[in-house]
Amino acid sequence: MNVLVTGASSGIGAATAIAFAQRGATVGICARREDRLATVLRELPNGKSWTVDLADLDDLDEFASTADEELGGVDVLVNNAGIPKRRRTTTMTAADVEGVMAMNYFSPVRLTLALLPGMLERGRGDIVNVSSMGAHLVAFGVGAYAASKAALELFTEALYVELPGTGVRAHLVVPGTTATEFSAPREGNDPPLPPGPGSATAEEVAGAIIACVESDQFVSYATARDADTSAAKAADPNGFLAQMRDRLAALR
């Protein structure tokens, strides 16, 4: 099995790459930080690495072709790379929205579309798109980010219902708060909210990604708590959001 994991220089991506390698897969990894990629690469027997900025959308076709050729065909694509955007709507700019949408939505879609023809020709493949509980809990302070993940979720849903019979499957993995540097303070972002109890580890999310590829299900949650929260919101979105709005009022 040949696996390509994006955003694999740390956190969920690194843990996922290592988990696949431990199961005997040949794993290719990519991210912007060459030094951090090198550290992960040492954990990957026969692994391959590419330093690439996936926000450069016009370069994605060439990168996809290179990765596909050097891996001998991508069997599993894990679209994990993404950027946070913590900014309330009252101070949000057009640049905030467009930047996070380019990285979190257009980039994985473009990479998927570039690799999908090869998967269809070979008659096998799995596309795993990593979303966020930001699209399932409440978009307080992360409206642009949550919207980018919601767009990715519906694109994944379209793949899931359109690909049966081709040998190619689409999966959605939804992590909640995860103990990685992704949630740390960043320039250009409002301060993060204090982490709640029960944060997942990168390895737990990696486990959910591995498990989804071994199944035919559409959506997987990193923890049972995340699944329960998503179900509660879906069952009564009006009541759920009204309650959350009142609880968050003190933070405005």
C-alpha atoms as a PDB file:
ATOM      1  CA  MET A   1       0.000   0.000   0.000  1.00  0.00           C
ATOM      2  CA  ASN A   2       1.333   3.435  -0.986  1.00  0.00           C
ATOM      3  CA  VAL A   3       0.136   6.310   1.196  1.00  0.00           C
ATOM      4  CA  LEU A   4       0.524  10.072   0.791  1.00  0.00           C
ATOM      5  CA  VAL A   5      -0.014  12.144   3.946  1.00  0.00           C
ATOM      6  CA  THR A   6      -0.077  15.935   3.693  1.00  0.00           C
ATOM      7  CA  GLY A   7       0.847  18.235   6.545  1.00  0.00           C
ATOM      8  CA  ALA A   8       3.012  15.476   7.968  1.00  0.00           C
ATOM      9  CA  SER A   9       5.825  17.434   9.604  1.00  0.00           C
ATOM     10  CA  SER A  10       4.167  17.229  13.041  1.00  0.00           C
ATOM     11  CA  GLY A  11       0.985  16.444  14.944  1.00  0.00           C
ATOM     12  CA  ILE A  12      -1.758  14.370  13.350  1.00  0.00           C
ATOM     13  CA  GLY A  13       0.011  14.100  10.001  1.00  0.00           C
ATOM     14  CA  ALA A  14       3.266  12.808  11.501  1.00  0.00           C
ATOM     15  CA  ALA A  15       1.436  10.335  13.737  1.00  0.00           C
ATOM     16  CA  THR A  16      -0.633   9.105  10.780  1.00  0.00           C
ATOM     17  CA  ALA A  17       2.401   8.612   8.563  1.00  0.00           C
ATOM     18  CA  ILE A  18       4.171   6.606  11.271  1.00  0.00           C
ATOM     19  CA  ALA A  19       1.061   4.519  11.976  1.00  0.00           C
ATOM     20  CA  PHE A  20       0.712   3.540   8.305  1.00  0.00           C
ATOM     21  CA  ALA A  21       4.424   2.727   8.085  1.00  0.00           C
ATOM     22  CA  GLN A  22       4.146   0.479  11.141  1.00  0.00           C
ATOM     23  CA  ARG A  23       1.513  -1.479   9.222  1.00  0.00           C
ATOM     24  CA  GLY A  24       3.886  -2.052   6.324  1.00  0.00           C
ATOM     25  CA  ALA A  25       2.811   0.764   4.011  1.00  0.00           C
ATOM     26  CA  THR A  26       5.197   2.802   1.894  1.00  0.00           C
ATOM     27  CA  VAL A  27       4.497   6.344   3.022  1.00  0.00           C
ATOM     28  CA  GLY A  28       5.157   9.662   1.319  1.00  0.00           C
ATOM     29  CA  ILE A  29       4.958  12.826   3.390  1.00  0.00           C
ATOM     30  CA  CYS A  30       4.853  16.494   2.499  1.00  0.00           C
ATOM     31  CA  ALA A  31       4.808  19.834   4.299  1.00  0.00           C
ATOM     32  CA  ARG A  32       6.611  23.170   4.246  1.00  0.00           C
ATOM     33  CA  ARG A  33       9.156  22.508   7.023  1.00  0.00           C
ATOM     34  CA  GLU A  34      11.984  20.457   5.565  1.00  0.00           C
ATOM     35  CA  ASP A  35      13.784  19.919   8.864  1.00  0.00           C
ATOM     36  CA  ARG A  36      10.667  18.618  10.604  1.00  0.00           C
ATOM     37  CA  LEU A  37       9.861  16.355   7.646  1.00  0.00           C
ATOM     38  CA  ALA A  38      13.359  14.881   7.888  1.00  0.00           C
ATOM     39  CA  THR A  39      12.703  13.919  11.502  1.00  0.00           C
ATOM     40  CA  VAL A  40       9.481  12.106  10.594  1.00  0.00           C
ATOM     41  CA  LEU A  41      11.067  10.496   7.544  1.00  0.00           C
ATOM     42  CA  ARG A  42      13.539   8.667   9.770  1.00  0.00           C
ATOM     43  CA  GLU A  43      10.553   6.759  11.207  1.00  0.00           C
ATOM     44  CA  LEU A  44       9.376   5.597   7.764  1.00  0.00           C
ATOM     45  CA  PRO A  45      11.097   2.590   6.172  1.00  0.00           C
ATOM     46  CA  ASN A  46      11.240   3.234   2.404  1.00  0.00           C
ATOM     47  CA  GLY A  47       9.486   6.563   3.013  1.00  0.00           C
ATOM     48  CA  LYS A  48       9.619   9.536   0.688  1.00  0.00           C
ATOM     49  CA  SER A  49       9.410  13.229   1.454  1.00  0.00           C
ATOM     50  CA  TRP A  50       8.639  16.425  -0.457  1.00  0.00           C
ATOM     51  CA  THR A  51       8.976  19.965   0.812  1.00  0.00           C
ATOM     52  CA  VAL A  52       6.022  21.803  -0.694  1.00  0.00           C
ATOM     53  CA  ASP A  53       3.677  24.671   0.118  1.00  0.00           C
ATOM     54  CA  LEU A  54       0.233  23.268  -0.617  1.00  0.00           C
ATOM     55  CA  ALA A  55      -1.220  26.775  -0.581  1.00  0.00           C
ATOM     56  CA  ASP A  56       0.453  27.303  -3.983  1.00  0.00           C
ATOM     57  CA  LEU A  57      -2.533  25.888  -5.826  1.00  0.00           C
ATOM     58  CA  ASP A  58      -1.085  26.222  -9.320  1.00  0.00           C
ATOM     59  CA  ASP A  59       1.802  23.895  -8.379  1.00  0.00           C
ATOM     60  CA  LEU A  60      -0.364  21.072  -7.069  1.00  0.00           C
ATOM     61  CA  ASP A  61      -0.821  19.196 -10.332  1.00  0.00           C
ATOM     62  CA  GLU A  62       2.940  18.946 -10.788  1.00  0.00           C
ATOM     63  CA  PHE A  63       3.446  17.860  -7.184  1.00  0.00           C
ATOM     64  CA  ALA A  64       0.691  15.248  -7.471  1.00  0.00           C
ATOM     65  CA  SER A  65       2.290  13.827 -10.612  1.00  0.00           C
ATOM     66  CA  THR A  66       5.701  13.647  -8.919  1.00  0.00           C
ATOM     67  CA  ALA A  67       4.361  11.980  -5.772  1.00  0.00           C
ATOM     68  CA  ASP A  68       2.276   9.505  -7.761  1.00  0.00           C
ATOM     69  CA  GLU A  69       5.234   8.504  -9.906  1.00  0.00           C
ATOM     70  CA  GLU A  70       7.766   8.234  -7.078  1.00  0.00           C
ATOM     71  CA  LEU A  71       5.407   6.228  -4.865  1.00  0.00           C
ATOM     72  CA  GLY A  72       4.410   3.928  -7.691  1.00  0.00           C
ATOM     73  CA  GLY A  73       0.798   5.108  -7.533  1.00  0.00           C
ATOM     74  CA  VAL A  74      -0.963   6.635  -4.537  1.00  0.00           C
ATOM     75  CA  ASP A  75      -3.355   4.097  -3.007  1.00  0.00           C
ATOM     76  CA  VAL A  76      -4.340   6.226   0.003  1.00  0.00           C
ATOM     77  CA  LEU A  77      -4.420  10.033   0.055  1.00  0.00           C
ATOM     78  CA  VAL A  78      -4.739  11.606   3.510  1.00  0.00           C
ATOM     79  CA  ASN A  79      -5.594  15.294   3.135  1.00  0.00           C
ATOM     80  CA  ASN A  80      -4.514  16.434   6.571  1.00  0.00           C
ATOM     81  CA  ALA A  81      -2.714  19.729   5.872  1.00  0.00           C
ATOM     82  CA  GLY A  82      -4.544  22.829   7.046  1.00  0.00           C
ATOM     83  CA  ILE A  83      -4.205  26.137   8.823  1.00  0.00           C
ATOM     84  CA  PRO A  84      -6.145  27.531  11.785  1.00  0.00           C
ATOM     85  CA  LYS A  85      -7.989  30.821  11.662  1.00  0.00           C
ATOM     86  CA  ARG A  86      -9.274  32.155  14.964  1.00  0.00           C
ATOM     87  CA  ARG A  87     -10.985  35.422  14.159  1.00  0.00           C
ATOM     88  CA  ARG A  88     -14.469  36.614  15.083  1.00  0.00           C
ATOM     89  CA  THR A  89     -16.765  37.773  12.321  1.00  0.00           C
ATOM     90  CA  THR A  90     -16.816  41.336  13.625  1.00  0.00           C
ATOM     91  CA  THR A  91     -13.088  41.697  12.888  1.00  0.00           C
ATOM     92  CA  MET A  92     -12.695  39.158  10.086  1.00  0.00           C
ATOM     93  CA  THR A  93     -11.249  40.340   6.773  1.00  0.00           C
ATOM     94  CA  ALA A  94     -11.696  39.097   3.233  1.00  0.00           C
ATOM     95  CA  ALA A  95      -8.057  37.980   3.315  1.00  0.00           C
ATOM     96  CA  ASP A  96      -8.774  35.858   6.399  1.00  0.00           C
ATOM     97  CA  VAL A  97     -11.584  34.059   4.607  1.00  0.00           C
ATOM     98  CA  GLU A  98      -9.813  33.596   1.297  1.00  0.00           C
ATOM     99  CA  GLY A  99      -6.544  32.434   2.834  1.00  0.00           C
ATOM    100  CA  VAL A 100      -8.051  29.745   5.018  1.00  0.00           C
ATOM    101  CA  MET A 101     -10.382  28.583   2.244  1.00  0.00           C
ATOM    102  CA  ALA A 102      -7.473  28.223  -0.194  1.00  0.00           C
ATOM    103  CA  MET A 103      -5.471  26.055   2.183  1.00  0.00           C
ATOM    104  CA  ASN A 104      -8.218  24.065   3.893  1.00  0.00           C
ATOM    105  CA  TYR A 105     -10.599  23.554   0.964  1.00  0.00           C
ATOM    106  CA  PHE A 106      -9.203  24.369  -2.464  1.00  0.00           C
ATOM    107  CA  SER A 107      -5.847  22.701  -1.784  1.00  0.00           C
ATOM    108  CA  PRO A 108      -7.169  19.250  -0.745  1.00  0.00           C
ATOM    109  CA  VAL A 109      -9.770  19.378  -3.500  1.00  0.00           C
ATOM    110  CA  ARG A 110      -7.158  20.189  -6.140  1.00  0.00           C
ATOM    111  CA  LEU A 111      -4.860  17.437  -4.880  1.00  0.00           C
ATOM    112  CA  THR A 112      -7.737  14.953  -4.839  1.00  0.00           C
ATOM    113  CA  LEU A 113      -8.760  15.828  -8.388  1.00  0.00           C
ATOM    114  CA  ALA A 114      -5.167  15.461  -9.556  1.00  0.00           C
ATOM    115  CA  LEU A 115      -4.745  11.968  -8.044  1.00  0.00           C
ATOM    116  CA  LEU A 116      -8.266  10.626  -8.597  1.00  0.00           C
ATOM    117  CA  PRO A 117      -7.835   9.690 -12.289  1.00  0.00           C
ATOM    118  CA  GLY A 118      -4.926   7.398 -11.437  1.00  0.00           C
ATOM    119  CA  MET A 119      -6.937   5.727  -8.688  1.00  0.00           C
ATOM    120  CA  LEU A 120      -9.874   5.225 -11.025  1.00  0.00           C
ATOM    121  CA  GLU A 121      -7.613   3.772 -13.718  1.00  0.00           C
ATOM    122  CA  ARG A 122      -6.105   1.294 -11.228  1.00  0.00           C
ATOM    123  CA  GLY A 123      -9.547   0.525  -9.808  1.00  0.00           C
ATOM    124  CA  ARG A 124      -8.587   1.124  -6.191  1.00  0.00           C
ATOM    125  CA  GLY A 125      -7.914   3.911  -3.747  1.00  0.00           C
ATOM    126  CA  ASP A 126      -8.970   5.658  -0.571  1.00  0.00           C
ATOM    127  CA  ILE A 127      -9.307   9.410  -0.071  1.00  0.00           C
ATOM    128  CA  VAL A 128      -9.328  10.526   3.570  1.00  0.00           C
ATOM    129  CA  ASN A 129     -10.207  14.140   4.283  1.00  0.00           C
ATOM    130  CA  VAL A 130      -9.498  15.406   7.790  1.00  0.00           C
ATOM    131  CA  SER A 131     -12.139  17.851   9.004  1.00  0.00           C
ATOM    132  CA  SER A 132     -12.722  19.405  12.427  1.00  0.00           C
ATOM    133  CA  MET A 133     -15.278  19.542  15.201  1.00  0.00           C
ATOM    134  CA  GLY A 134     -15.390  23.243  14.334  1.00  0.00           C
ATOM    135  CA  ALA A 135     -17.918  22.211  11.707  1.00  0.00           C
ATOM    136  CA  HIS A 136     -19.931  20.093  14.190  1.00  0.00           C
ATOM    137  CA  LEU A 137     -19.825  21.946  17.492  1.00  0.00           C
ATOM    138  CA  VAL A 138     -20.002  25.738  17.348  1.00  0.00           C
ATOM    139  CA  ALA A 139     -18.196  28.199  15.064  1.00  0.00           C
ATOM    140  CA  PHE A 140     -17.561  30.749  17.809  1.00  0.00           C
ATOM    141  CA  GLY A 141     -14.412  32.669  16.880  1.00  0.00           C
ATOM    142  CA  VAL A 142     -13.583  30.281  14.035  1.00  0.00           C
ATOM    143  CA  GLY A 143     -16.222  31.100  11.433  1.00  0.00           C
ATOM    144  CA  ALA A 144     -13.865  31.162   8.438  1.00  0.00           C
ATOM    145  CA  TYR A 145     -12.043  28.029   9.564  1.00  0.00           C
ATOM    146  CA  ALA A 146     -15.235  26.090  10.281  1.00  0.00           C
ATOM    147  CA  ALA A 147     -16.686  27.122   6.917  1.00  0.00           C
ATOM    148  CA  SER A 148     -13.621  25.811   5.088  1.00  0.00           C
ATOM    149  CA  LYS A 149     -13.978  22.457   6.831  1.00  0.00           C
ATOM    150  CA  ALA A 150     -17.725  22.332   6.175  1.00  0.00           C
ATOM    151  CA  ALA A 151     -17.015  22.839   2.469  1.00  0.00           C
ATOM    152  CA  LEU A 152     -14.492  19.993   2.564  1.00  0.00           C
ATOM    153  CA  GLU A 153     -17.030  17.753   4.274  1.00  0.00           C
ATOM    154  CA  LEU A 154     -19.635  18.238   1.548  1.00  0.00           C
ATOM    155  CA  PHE A 155     -17.037  17.660  -1.169  1.00  0.00           C
ATOM    156  CA  THR A 156     -16.131  14.407   0.593  1.00  0.00           C
ATOM    157  CA  GLU A 157     -19.795  13.476   0.771  1.00  0.00           C
ATOM    158  CA  ALA A 158     -20.096  13.983  -2.989  1.00  0.00           C
ATOM    159  CA  LEU A 159     -17.131  11.665  -3.556  1.00  0.00           C
ATOM    160  CA  TYR A 160     -18.611   9.076  -1.215  1.00  0.00           C
ATOM    161  CA  VAL A 161     -21.950   8.848  -3.025  1.00  0.00           C
ATOM    162  CA  GLU A 162     -20.536   9.160  -6.558  1.00  0.00           C
ATOM    163  CA  LEU A 163     -17.658   6.663  -6.483  1.00  0.00           C
ATOM    164  CA  PRO A 164     -19.280   3.278  -5.671  1.00  0.00           C
ATOM    165  CA  GLY A 165     -18.353   0.656  -8.236  1.00  0.00           C
ATOM    166  CA  THR A 166     -15.045   2.321  -9.071  1.00  0.00           C
ATOM    167  CA  GLY A 167     -12.937   0.726  -6.338  1.00  0.00           C
ATOM    168  CA  VAL A 168     -12.213   4.186  -4.912  1.00  0.00           C
ATOM    169  CA  ARG A 169     -13.687   5.222  -1.572  1.00  0.00           C
ATOM    170  CA  ALA A 170     -13.953   8.532   0.271  1.00  0.00           C
ATOM    171  CA  HIS A 171     -13.822   8.955   4.051  1.00  0.00           C
ATOM    172  CA  LEU A 172     -14.208  11.847   6.461  1.00  0.00           C
ATOM    173  CA  VAL A 173     -12.379  11.935   9.798  1.00  0.00           C
ATOM    174  CA  VAL A 174     -13.464  14.508  12.378  1.00  0.00           C
ATOM    175  CA  PRO A 175     -11.032  15.263  15.218  1.00  0.00           C
ATOM    176  CA  GLY A 176     -11.985  17.414  18.148  1.00  0.00           C
ATOM    177  CA  THR A 177      -9.471  19.398  20.189  1.00  0.00           C
ATOM    178  CA  THR A 178      -6.162  17.589  19.790  1.00  0.00           C
ATOM    179  CA  ALA A 179      -3.012  18.090  21.819  1.00  0.00           C
ATOM    180  CA  THR A 180      -0.779  19.398  19.016  1.00  0.00           C
ATOM    181  CA  GLU A 181       0.869  22.689  18.083  1.00  0.00           C
ATOM    182  CA  PHE A 182      -2.045  23.372  15.705  1.00  0.00           C
ATOM    183  CA  SER A 183      -4.026  24.786  18.641  1.00  0.00           C
ATOM    184  CA  ALA A 184      -1.175  26.927  19.973  1.00  0.00           C
ATOM    185  CA  PRO A 185      -1.225  30.766  19.765  1.00  0.00           C
ATOM    186  CA  ARG A 186      -0.332  32.007  16.282  1.00  0.00           C
ATOM    187  CA  GLU A 187       0.356  35.335  14.674  1.00  0.00           C
ATOM    188  CA  GLY A 188      -2.698  36.600  12.811  1.00  0.00           C
ATOM    189  CA  ASN A 189      -5.078  34.644  15.030  1.00  0.00           C
ATOM    190  CA  ASP A 190      -7.041  35.574  18.122  1.00  0.00           C
ATOM    191  CA  PRO A 191      -5.870  33.784  21.288  1.00  0.00           C
ATOM    192  CA  PRO A 192      -7.170  30.214  21.475  1.00  0.00           C
ATOM    193  CA  LEU A 193      -9.832  29.283  23.991  1.00  0.00           C
ATOM    194  CA  PRO A 194      -8.563  27.262  26.951  1.00  0.00           C
ATOM    195  CA  PRO A 195      -8.494  23.560  26.031  1.00  0.00           C
ATOM    196  CA  GLY A 196     -11.291  21.526  27.501  1.00  0.00           C
ATOM    197  CA  PRO A 197     -10.936  18.172  29.238  1.00  0.00           C
ATOM    198  CA  GLY A 198     -10.560  15.033  27.176  1.00  0.00           C
ATOM    199  CA  SER A 199      -8.433  16.382  24.328  1.00  0.00           C
ATOM    200  CA  ALA A 200      -7.391  13.653  21.916  1.00  0.00           C
ATOM    201  CA  THR A 201      -3.802  12.791  21.141  1.00  0.00           C
ATOM    202  CA  ALA A 202      -2.387  12.844  17.627  1.00  0.00           C
ATOM    203  CA  GLU A 203      -2.025   9.074  17.872  1.00  0.00           C
ATOM    204  CA  GLU A 204      -5.734   8.657  18.655  1.00  0.00           C
ATOM    205  CA  VAL A 205      -6.666  10.642  15.558  1.00  0.00           C
ATOM    206  CA  ALA A 206      -4.170   8.634  13.505  1.00  0.00           C
ATOM    207  CA  GLY A 207      -5.883   5.490  14.763  1.00  0.00           C
ATOM    208  CA  ALA A 208      -9.246   6.790  13.534  1.00  0.00           C
ATOM    209  CA  ILE A 209      -7.713   7.495  10.117  1.00  0.00           C
ATOM    210  CA  ILE A 210      -6.253   3.984   9.889  1.00  0.00           C
ATOM    211  CA  ALA A 211      -9.564   2.456  10.976  1.00  0.00           C
ATOM    212  CA  CYS A 212     -11.614   4.367   8.411  1.00  0.00           C
ATOM    213  CA  VAL A 213      -9.445   3.076   5.554  1.00  0.00           C
ATOM    214  CA  GLU A 214     -10.080  -0.430   6.835  1.00  0.00           C
ATOM    215  CA  SER A 215     -13.840   0.148   6.636  1.00  0.00           C
ATOM    216  CA  ASP A 216     -16.416   1.402   4.173  1.00  0.00           C
ATOM    217  CA  GLN A 217     -17.945   4.021   6.463  1.00  0.00           C
ATOM    218  CA  PHE A 218     -18.209   7.672   5.499  1.00  0.00           C
ATOM    219  CA  VAL A 219     -17.530   9.549   8.731  1.00  0.00           C
ATOM    220  CA  SER A 220     -15.367   8.664  11.712  1.00  0.00           C
ATOM    221  CA  TYR A 221     -14.792  10.662  14.889  1.00  0.00           C
ATOM    222  CA  ALA A 222     -11.540  10.687  16.802  1.00  0.00           C
ATOM    223  CA  THR A 223     -13.343  10.028  20.099  1.00  0.00           C
ATOM    224  CA  ALA A 224     -16.769   8.855  21.245  1.00  0.00           C
ATOM    225  CA  ARG A 225     -17.215  12.236  22.929  1.00  0.00           C
ATOM    226  CA  ASP A 226     -16.874  14.002  19.574  1.00  0.00           C
ATOM    227  CA  ALA A 227     -19.391  11.639  17.990  1.00  0.00           C
ATOM    228  CA  ASP A 228     -21.885  12.225  20.795  1.00  0.00           C
ATOM    229  CA  THR A 229     -21.513  16.021  20.580  1.00  0.00           C
ATOM    230  CA  SER A 230     -22.043  15.997  16.823  1.00  0.00           C
ATOM    231  CA  ALA A 231     -25.137  13.825  17.215  1.00  0.00           C
ATOM    232  CA  ALA A 232     -26.563  16.145  19.875  1.00  0.00           C
ATOM    233  CA  LYS A 233     -26.189  19.191  17.639  1.00  0.00           C
ATOM    234  CA  ALA A 234     -27.656  17.390  14.614  1.00  0.00           C
ATOM    235  CA  ALA A 235     -30.667  16.260  16.649  1.00  0.00           C
ATOM    236  CA  ASP A 236     -31.628  19.782  17.766  1.00  0.00           C
ATOM    237  CA  PRO A 237     -29.464  22.486  16.160  1.00  0.00           C
ATOM    238  CA  ASN A 238     -31.716  25.328  17.325  1.00  0.00           C
ATOM    239  CA  GLY A 239     -31.660  24.282  20.966  1.00  0.00           C
ATOM    240  CA  PHE A 240     -27.997  23.267  20.905  1.00  0.00           C
ATOM    241  CA  LEU A 241     -26.766  26.555  19.441  1.00  0.00           C
ATOM    242  CA  ALA A 242     -29.031  28.665  21.636  1.00  0.00           C
ATOM    243  CA  GLN A 243     -27.537  26.980  24.691  1.00  0.00           C
ATOM    244  CA  MET A 244     -23.994  27.431  23.375  1.00  0.00           C
ATOM    245  CA  ARG A 245     -24.685  31.083  22.531  1.00  0.00           C
ATOM    246  CA  ASP A 246     -25.765  31.777  26.083  1.00  0.00           C
ATOM    247  CA  ARG A 247     -22.735  29.995  27.536  1.00  0.00           C
ATOM    248  CA  LEU A 248     -20.347  31.895  25.272  1.00  0.00           C
ATOM    249  CA  ALA A 249     -21.931  35.305  25.797  1.00  0.00           C
ATOM    250  CA  ALA A 250     -19.476  36.126  28.570  1.00  0.00           C
ATOM    251  CA  LEU A 251     -16.573  35.727  26.130  1.00  0.00           C
ATOM    252  CA  ARG A 252     -17.796  38.391  23.703  1.00  0.00           C
END
